[in-house]
Amino acid sequence: AAGQGMLLNRRLFSQCKSLAPTLKSLHEISGTSLCHRKPSGSRNLQTMNGGVVKKADIVLGCVAYCSGISSIWNGMKQYFATKNMNVDYILFTSYEAQVEALMNKQVDIAWNGPLAHCRVKQRTDNTSLSLGMRDCDRDFRSHFIVTEESGIKTLKQLEGQILAAGTVDSPQAYILPLHHLKSKGVDLGSLSVVRFDRDVGKHGDTAEGEVEVMEALKRGEAAAGIVSDLMWQRALAAGKVNADGKKMRVLEEGPALFDHCQFDALATLEAAKKDAFQQALFAMDWNNEFHKEIMKMEGIKKTWAGPREEGYAAMQQIVDNEPNVPYPRMLHEAQRHPFKSLLVK
């Protein structure tokens, strides 16, 4: 069965989060039981403050990509309370739903991945506010990995090969790497793509598709694959990615670096709320044990970082070619794609 013989933590991020305390089987790396709590249509969220239930001043939107997600945001709620801020959150089962909730003002601030962030920019005609990101969100990296026996050494040599890719809406394991191949003159029409769609709507946050990519190469079902550096490093650290079966390595020519998660808000967010949120966020201190515990759960290396847009340029270019509508269709579908063939598993 897929996943046997490899040890990894099957939890990914919101690309670099690290909730799970232990390394288990490969197929625990990117998806534990997911918390599918539907978003509320009401803004009457309440939170405890001094024993009195009060309406939240700021409501955050977060995607539930793993069973432990509430631990992170409960911790953030407690932290904001120390700053005299009454903050609550709504968990969404997809980024598409979260984007719509932000657009409809059901949440004040959304914790978005790069695809959702750029869609918010598109939907708001670039007027949305970017409020902050984690240090690990900057300069995120993906890899093209190949089997040793394939003999592939350059991107051009991927032409005519079977390429294993992650989930259709994964920025790191599908969208941006394929965009990079096209920009480098690789003939996408020569590729036979095997795509592992897992947890569609969570934009690759569970990393299930990346796990399957490495397994496919191990089984000899593909000559090359696409994974994030985070998942690749975890595979190497577990000591099992090349311990048996097909030997794999990273091509030197990799996709361009990009930025991952970002807090988004509409331009209509009250300035006082925006300022209070940012001031509290950036006041989290790695040297404070309470703060550090929460930050570590969020995958932060040392600090929250200020917002920036340059790391989203490639993704924004892709999104700007999408219809500017709610719930846009998938980038590629079984009968609508640029490849020689597309097999969706």
Protein backbone atom coordinates (compact mmCIF):
# COMPACT_ATOMS: atom_id res chain seq x y z
CA ALA A 1 0.00 0.00 0.00
CA ALA A 2 1.13 3.57 -0.62
CA GLY A 3 3.15 4.99 2.23
CA GLN A 4 4.68 1.77 3.57
CA GLY A 5 8.34 2.02 4.50
CA MET A 6 8.56 5.83 4.75
CA LEU A 7 8.49 7.82 8.00
CA LEU A 8 7.29 11.38 8.03
CA ASN A 9 5.08 13.74 9.93
CA ARG A 10 1.96 13.87 7.81
CA ARG A 11 1.14 17.42 8.77
CA LEU A 12 2.27 20.20 6.54
CA PHE A 13 1.70 23.81 7.21
CA SER A 14 -0.42 26.15 6.22
CA GLN A 15 2.72 25.30 4.59
CA CYS A 16 5.22 25.23 7.39
CA LYS A 17 3.19 24.60 10.50
CA SER A 18 4.32 21.80 12.77
CA LEU A 19 1.56 20.76 15.14
CA ALA A 20 2.23 17.04 15.27
CA PRO A 21 4.82 16.31 17.96
CA THR A 22 6.11 13.03 16.51
CA LEU A 23 7.14 11.56 13.19
CA LYS A 24 4.98 8.64 12.20
CA SER A 25 4.18 7.00 8.87
CA LEU A 26 4.44 8.93 5.61
CA HIS A 27 0.69 8.86 5.28
CA GLU A 28 0.35 10.84 8.48
CA ILE A 29 2.33 13.71 7.04
CA SER A 30 -0.34 15.75 5.38
CA GLY A 31 -3.71 14.94 6.72
CA THR A 32 -4.94 13.79 10.05
CA SER A 33 -8.70 13.78 10.58
CA LEU A 34 -9.81 17.15 9.28
CA CYS A 35 -12.18 19.35 11.25
CA HIS A 36 -14.99 20.15 8.85
CA ARG A 37 -16.85 22.83 10.73
CA LYS A 38 -19.00 24.87 8.38
CA PRO A 39 -18.72 28.67 8.48
CA SER A 40 -21.45 30.60 10.21
CA GLY A 41 -23.46 33.14 8.28
CA SER A 42 -23.81 35.28 11.39
CA ARG A 43 -21.44 37.86 12.79
CA ASN A 44 -22.81 37.35 16.32
CA LEU A 45 -19.79 35.38 17.47
CA GLN A 46 -19.12 35.59 21.17
CA THR A 47 -16.08 35.09 23.33
CA MET A 48 -15.42 35.02 27.07
CA ASN A 49 -13.89 38.08 28.67
CA GLY A 50 -13.63 38.27 32.43
CA GLY A 51 -16.42 35.72 32.83
CA VAL A 52 -18.80 37.73 30.63
CA VAL A 53 -19.72 36.59 27.12
CA LYS A 54 -19.30 39.45 24.65
CA LYS A 55 -19.53 39.85 20.91
CA ALA A 56 -16.14 39.58 19.23
CA ASP A 57 -14.56 42.82 18.04
CA ILE A 58 -12.54 41.08 15.32
CA VAL A 59 -13.46 37.82 13.60
CA LEU A 60 -10.74 35.82 11.85
CA GLY A 61 -11.27 33.27 9.09
CA CYS A 62 -9.07 30.15 9.06
CA VAL A 63 -9.17 26.97 6.96
CA ALA A 64 -9.49 23.71 8.90
CA TYR A 65 -6.84 21.56 7.28
CA CYS A 66 -6.08 19.33 10.28
CA SER A 67 -7.70 18.10 13.46
CA GLY A 68 -5.51 20.26 15.69
CA ILE A 69 -6.19 23.58 14.00
CA SER A 70 -8.31 24.87 16.90
CA SER A 71 -5.29 24.59 19.21
CA ILE A 72 -3.53 27.28 17.19
CA TRP A 73 -6.40 29.72 17.03
CA ASN A 74 -7.53 29.16 20.60
CA GLY A 75 -4.00 30.08 21.56
CA MET A 76 -4.16 33.18 19.38
CA LYS A 77 -7.48 34.14 21.01
CA GLN A 78 -5.88 33.87 24.44
CA TYR A 79 -2.94 35.95 23.29
CA PHE A 80 -5.11 38.70 21.83
CA ALA A 81 -7.07 38.75 25.10
CA THR A 82 -3.84 39.71 26.89
CA LYS A 83 -3.83 42.78 24.63
CA ASN A 84 -7.42 43.61 25.61
CA MET A 85 -8.68 42.47 22.21
CA ASN A 86 -11.86 40.42 21.91
CA VAL A 87 -11.03 38.16 18.94
CA ASP A 88 -12.80 35.05 17.68
CA TYR A 89 -12.48 32.86 14.59
CA ILE A 90 -14.51 30.80 12.12
CA LEU A 91 -13.15 27.59 10.62
CA PHE A 92 -13.81 26.96 6.93
CA THR A 93 -13.59 23.75 4.96
CA SER A 94 -12.15 25.48 1.88
CA TYR A 95 -10.31 28.64 0.91
CA GLU A 96 -13.01 29.34 -1.66
CA ALA A 97 -15.61 29.56 1.11
CA GLN A 98 -13.28 31.67 3.21
CA VAL A 99 -12.69 34.15 0.40
CA GLU A 100 -16.44 34.56 -0.06
CA ALA A 101 -16.89 35.06 3.69
CA LEU A 102 -14.32 37.84 3.60
CA MET A 103 -15.93 39.44 0.55
CA ASN A 104 -19.32 39.27 2.28
CA LYS A 105 -17.89 40.69 5.52
CA GLN A 106 -18.68 37.59 7.55
CA VAL A 107 -15.08 37.75 8.76
CA ASP A 108 -12.88 40.79 9.26
CA ILE A 109 -9.54 39.14 8.47
CA ALA A 110 -8.76 35.94 6.57
CA TRP A 111 -5.63 33.81 6.99
CA ASN A 112 -5.08 32.93 3.34
CA GLY A 113 -2.65 30.86 1.32
CA PRO A 114 -1.08 32.36 -1.83
CA LEU A 115 -3.84 31.33 -4.23
CA ALA A 116 -6.59 32.69 -1.98
CA HIS A 117 -4.56 35.83 -1.26
CA CYS A 118 -4.20 36.62 -4.95
CA ARG A 119 -7.87 35.89 -5.58
CA VAL A 120 -8.78 38.42 -2.89
CA LYS A 121 -6.53 40.94 -4.64
CA GLN A 122 -8.30 40.20 -7.92
CA ARG A 123 -11.80 40.34 -6.43
CA THR A 124 -11.11 43.71 -4.76
CA ASP A 125 -9.32 45.28 -7.73
CA ASN A 126 -6.13 45.27 -5.67
CA THR A 127 -7.63 47.34 -2.86
CA SER A 128 -7.51 44.63 -0.17
CA LEU A 129 -5.18 45.07 2.78
CA SER A 130 -2.27 42.70 3.46
CA LEU A 131 -1.62 42.66 7.19
CA GLY A 132 1.19 40.22 7.90
CA MET A 133 2.76 36.82 7.41
CA ARG A 134 5.09 34.39 9.17
CA ASP A 135 8.84 34.42 8.65
CA CYS A 136 8.55 30.93 7.13
CA ASP A 137 6.06 32.21 4.52
CA ARG A 138 8.78 34.22 2.81
CA ASP A 139 10.81 32.65 0.00
CA PHE A 140 8.95 29.36 -0.03
CA ARG A 141 10.54 26.73 -2.26
CA SER A 142 9.34 23.82 -4.37
CA HIS A 143 11.38 21.14 -6.13
CA PHE A 144 11.26 18.98 -9.19
CA ILE A 145 12.44 15.57 -7.99
CA VAL A 146 13.50 12.78 -10.34
CA THR A 147 14.47 9.15 -10.06
CA GLU A 148 18.15 8.41 -10.53
CA GLU A 149 17.44 5.87 -13.24
CA SER A 150 15.56 8.46 -15.33
CA GLY A 151 18.82 10.22 -16.17
CA ILE A 152 17.01 13.57 -16.12
CA LYS A 153 19.34 16.46 -15.34
CA THR A 154 17.59 19.52 -16.83
CA LEU A 155 14.07 20.87 -17.04
CA LYS A 156 14.06 20.37 -20.81
CA GLN A 157 14.67 16.67 -20.28
CA LEU A 158 11.32 16.44 -18.50
CA GLU A 159 9.69 16.59 -21.92
CA GLY A 160 8.12 13.30 -22.89
CA GLN A 161 8.22 12.02 -19.31
CA ILE A 162 5.58 11.04 -16.76
CA LEU A 163 5.36 13.82 -14.17
CA ALA A 164 3.66 13.22 -10.80
CA ALA A 165 2.05 16.32 -9.30
CA GLY A 166 0.11 17.25 -6.21
CA THR A 167 -3.40 18.56 -5.77
CA VAL A 168 -4.86 20.75 -8.52
CA ASP A 169 -5.11 23.81 -6.24
CA SER A 170 -1.72 23.37 -4.55
CA PRO A 171 0.50 26.40 -5.23
CA GLN A 172 3.67 24.50 -4.33
CA ALA A 173 2.99 21.08 -5.86
CA TYR A 174 1.06 21.98 -8.99
CA ILE A 175 0.20 25.54 -9.99
CA LEU A 176 3.48 27.47 -9.65
CA PRO A 177 5.89 24.68 -10.71
CA LEU A 178 3.91 24.06 -13.91
CA HIS A 179 3.82 27.80 -14.57
CA HIS A 180 7.59 27.80 -14.14
CA LEU A 181 8.05 24.95 -16.63
CA LYS A 182 6.01 26.82 -19.21
CA SER A 183 7.98 30.04 -18.62
CA LYS A 184 11.22 28.13 -19.21
CA GLY A 185 10.06 26.81 -22.56
CA VAL A 186 9.26 23.25 -21.52
CA ASP A 187 6.60 21.81 -23.83
CA LEU A 188 3.73 21.00 -21.48
CA GLY A 189 2.05 19.23 -24.38
CA SER A 190 4.72 16.53 -24.20
CA LEU A 191 4.09 15.70 -20.52
CA SER A 192 2.02 12.84 -19.21
CA VAL A 193 0.85 14.22 -15.87
CA VAL A 194 -0.40 12.06 -13.01
CA ARG A 195 -2.13 14.33 -10.52
CA PHE A 196 -3.01 13.32 -6.98
CA ASP A 197 -6.02 15.40 -5.97
CA ARG A 198 -6.31 15.25 -2.19
CA ASP A 199 -8.36 17.58 0.01
CA VAL A 200 -9.27 19.89 -2.87
CA GLY A 201 -10.25 23.28 -1.48
CA LYS A 202 -7.48 23.34 1.09
CA HIS A 203 -4.95 24.40 -1.55
CA GLY A 204 -2.35 21.78 -0.72
CA ASP A 205 -2.22 22.58 3.01
CA THR A 206 -2.59 18.94 4.02
CA ALA A 207 0.22 17.88 1.61
CA GLU A 208 -1.52 14.58 0.89
CA GLY A 209 -0.80 15.01 -2.81
CA GLU A 210 2.90 15.54 -2.19
CA VAL A 211 3.06 12.34 -0.18
CA GLU A 212 1.52 10.49 -3.11
CA VAL A 213 4.02 12.07 -5.50
CA MET A 214 6.96 10.63 -3.59
CA GLU A 215 5.25 7.27 -3.33
CA ALA A 216 4.62 7.23 -7.09
CA LEU A 217 8.31 7.79 -7.76
CA LYS A 218 9.21 5.07 -5.28
CA ARG A 219 6.95 2.66 -7.12
CA GLY A 220 8.46 3.61 -10.48
CA GLU A 221 5.17 5.03 -11.77
CA ALA A 222 6.71 8.39 -12.72
CA ALA A 223 10.15 9.66 -13.70
CA ALA A 224 9.71 13.03 -12.03
CA GLY A 225 7.54 14.75 -9.47
CA ILE A 226 6.77 18.04 -7.75
CA VAL A 227 7.03 18.56 -3.99
CA SER A 228 7.68 21.43 -1.59
CA ASP A 229 11.08 21.76 0.03
CA LEU A 230 9.37 21.34 3.39
CA MET A 231 8.01 17.92 2.49
CA TRP A 232 11.24 16.86 0.81
CA GLN A 233 13.30 17.84 3.86
CA ARG A 234 10.95 15.95 6.15
CA ALA A 235 11.30 12.89 3.94
CA LEU A 236 15.08 13.13 4.08
CA ALA A 237 15.09 13.74 7.83
CA ALA A 238 13.02 10.60 8.34
CA GLY A 239 15.78 8.68 6.60
CA LYS A 240 13.42 6.67 4.45
CA VAL A 241 12.88 8.60 1.22
CA ASN A 242 15.88 6.93 -0.43
CA ALA A 243 16.33 4.01 1.94
CA ASP A 244 14.57 1.55 -0.31
CA GLY A 245 12.97 1.41 -3.73
CA LYS A 246 13.68 4.10 -6.31
CA LYS A 247 16.42 6.60 -5.51
CA MET A 248 15.34 10.22 -5.88
CA ARG A 249 17.14 13.54 -6.15
CA VAL A 250 16.31 17.21 -6.67
CA LEU A 251 16.89 18.92 -10.01
CA GLU A 252 19.13 21.96 -9.66
CA GLU A 253 16.76 24.00 -11.82
CA GLY A 254 13.82 24.57 -9.51
CA PRO A 255 10.77 26.82 -9.52
CA ALA A 256 11.22 30.42 -8.44
CA LEU A 257 10.84 31.22 -4.75
CA PHE A 258 7.44 32.56 -3.71
CA ASP A 259 5.60 33.71 -0.61
CA HIS A 260 2.95 31.64 1.10
CA CYS A 261 0.36 32.73 3.70
CA GLN A 262 -0.92 36.23 4.36
CA PHE A 263 -3.55 37.88 6.56
CA ASP A 264 -6.05 39.64 4.25
CA ALA A 265 -8.70 42.24 5.00
CA LEU A 266 -10.98 44.45 2.94
CA ALA A 267 -10.17 48.14 2.62
CA THR A 268 -13.33 48.83 4.62
CA LEU A 269 -11.85 47.33 7.80
CA GLU A 270 -11.85 50.00 10.47
CA ALA A 271 -8.41 51.54 10.87
CA ALA A 272 -8.52 51.06 14.64
CA LYS A 273 -9.13 47.31 14.23
CA LYS A 274 -6.43 46.99 11.58
CA ASP A 275 -3.88 48.85 13.68
CA ALA A 276 -4.73 46.95 16.87
CA PHE A 277 -4.47 43.60 15.09
CA GLN A 278 -1.11 44.36 13.51
CA GLN A 279 0.36 45.88 16.65
CA ALA A 280 -0.63 42.84 18.68
CA LEU A 281 0.53 40.39 16.02
CA PHE A 282 3.98 41.90 15.68
CA ALA A 283 4.33 42.22 19.46
CA MET A 284 4.47 38.43 19.84
CA ASP A 285 7.88 37.68 21.31
CA TRP A 286 9.80 34.44 20.72
CA ASN A 287 11.48 34.95 24.10
CA ASN A 288 8.12 34.82 25.87
CA GLU A 289 7.30 31.16 26.52
CA PHE A 290 3.53 31.65 26.15
CA HIS A 291 3.98 33.45 22.84
CA LYS A 292 6.61 30.98 21.67
CA GLU A 293 4.35 27.98 22.21
CA ILE A 294 1.68 29.48 19.97
CA MET A 295 4.19 30.63 17.36
CA LYS A 296 5.77 27.18 17.17
CA MET A 297 2.37 25.61 16.56
CA GLU A 298 1.98 28.03 13.66
CA GLY A 299 5.32 26.93 12.23
CA ILE A 300 7.01 30.26 12.86
CA LYS A 301 10.80 30.11 13.05
CA LYS A 302 11.21 33.21 15.18
CA THR A 303 8.87 36.06 14.30
CA TRP A 304 5.83 37.34 12.46
CA ALA A 305 6.86 39.37 9.41
CA GLY A 306 5.39 42.43 7.77
CA PRO A 307 3.33 42.11 4.59
CA ARG A 308 4.86 42.23 1.13
CA GLU A 309 3.51 41.54 -2.35
CA GLU A 310 6.54 40.78 -4.54
CA GLY A 311 6.52 37.12 -3.56
CA TYR A 312 3.07 36.67 -5.10
CA ALA A 313 3.88 38.04 -8.57
CA ALA A 314 3.78 34.71 -10.41
CA MET A 315 0.62 33.56 -8.66
CA GLN A 316 -1.07 36.90 -9.30
CA GLN A 317 -0.28 36.57 -12.99
CA ILE A 318 -1.96 33.16 -13.02
CA VAL A 319 -4.99 34.33 -11.04
CA ASP A 320 -5.47 37.39 -13.23
CA ASN A 321 -6.16 34.98 -16.10
CA GLU A 322 -8.97 33.35 -14.11
CA PRO A 323 -12.57 34.56 -14.32
CA ASN A 324 -13.11 37.13 -11.58
CA VAL A 325 -15.99 35.22 -9.99
CA PRO A 326 -16.80 33.39 -6.75
CA TYR A 327 -15.69 29.77 -6.67
CA PRO A 328 -13.66 29.78 -9.92
CA ARG A 329 -13.25 26.45 -11.68
CA MET A 330 -10.12 24.33 -11.35
CA LEU A 331 -7.03 25.37 -13.29
CA HIS A 332 -7.06 22.10 -15.27
CA GLU A 333 -9.68 19.39 -15.58
CA ALA A 334 -9.66 15.89 -17.04
CA GLN A 335 -10.88 17.13 -20.42
CA ARG A 336 -9.36 20.62 -20.24
CA HIS A 337 -5.60 20.78 -19.86
CA PRO A 338 -2.42 21.56 -21.85
CA PHE A 339 -0.70 18.18 -21.40
CA LYS A 340 -0.24 15.14 -23.59
CA SER A 341 -2.38 13.34 -21.02
CA LEU A 342 -3.74 13.96 -17.54
CA LEU A 343 -4.57 11.15 -15.14
CA VAL A 344 -6.29 12.31 -11.96
CA LYS A 345 -6.04 9.94 -9.00
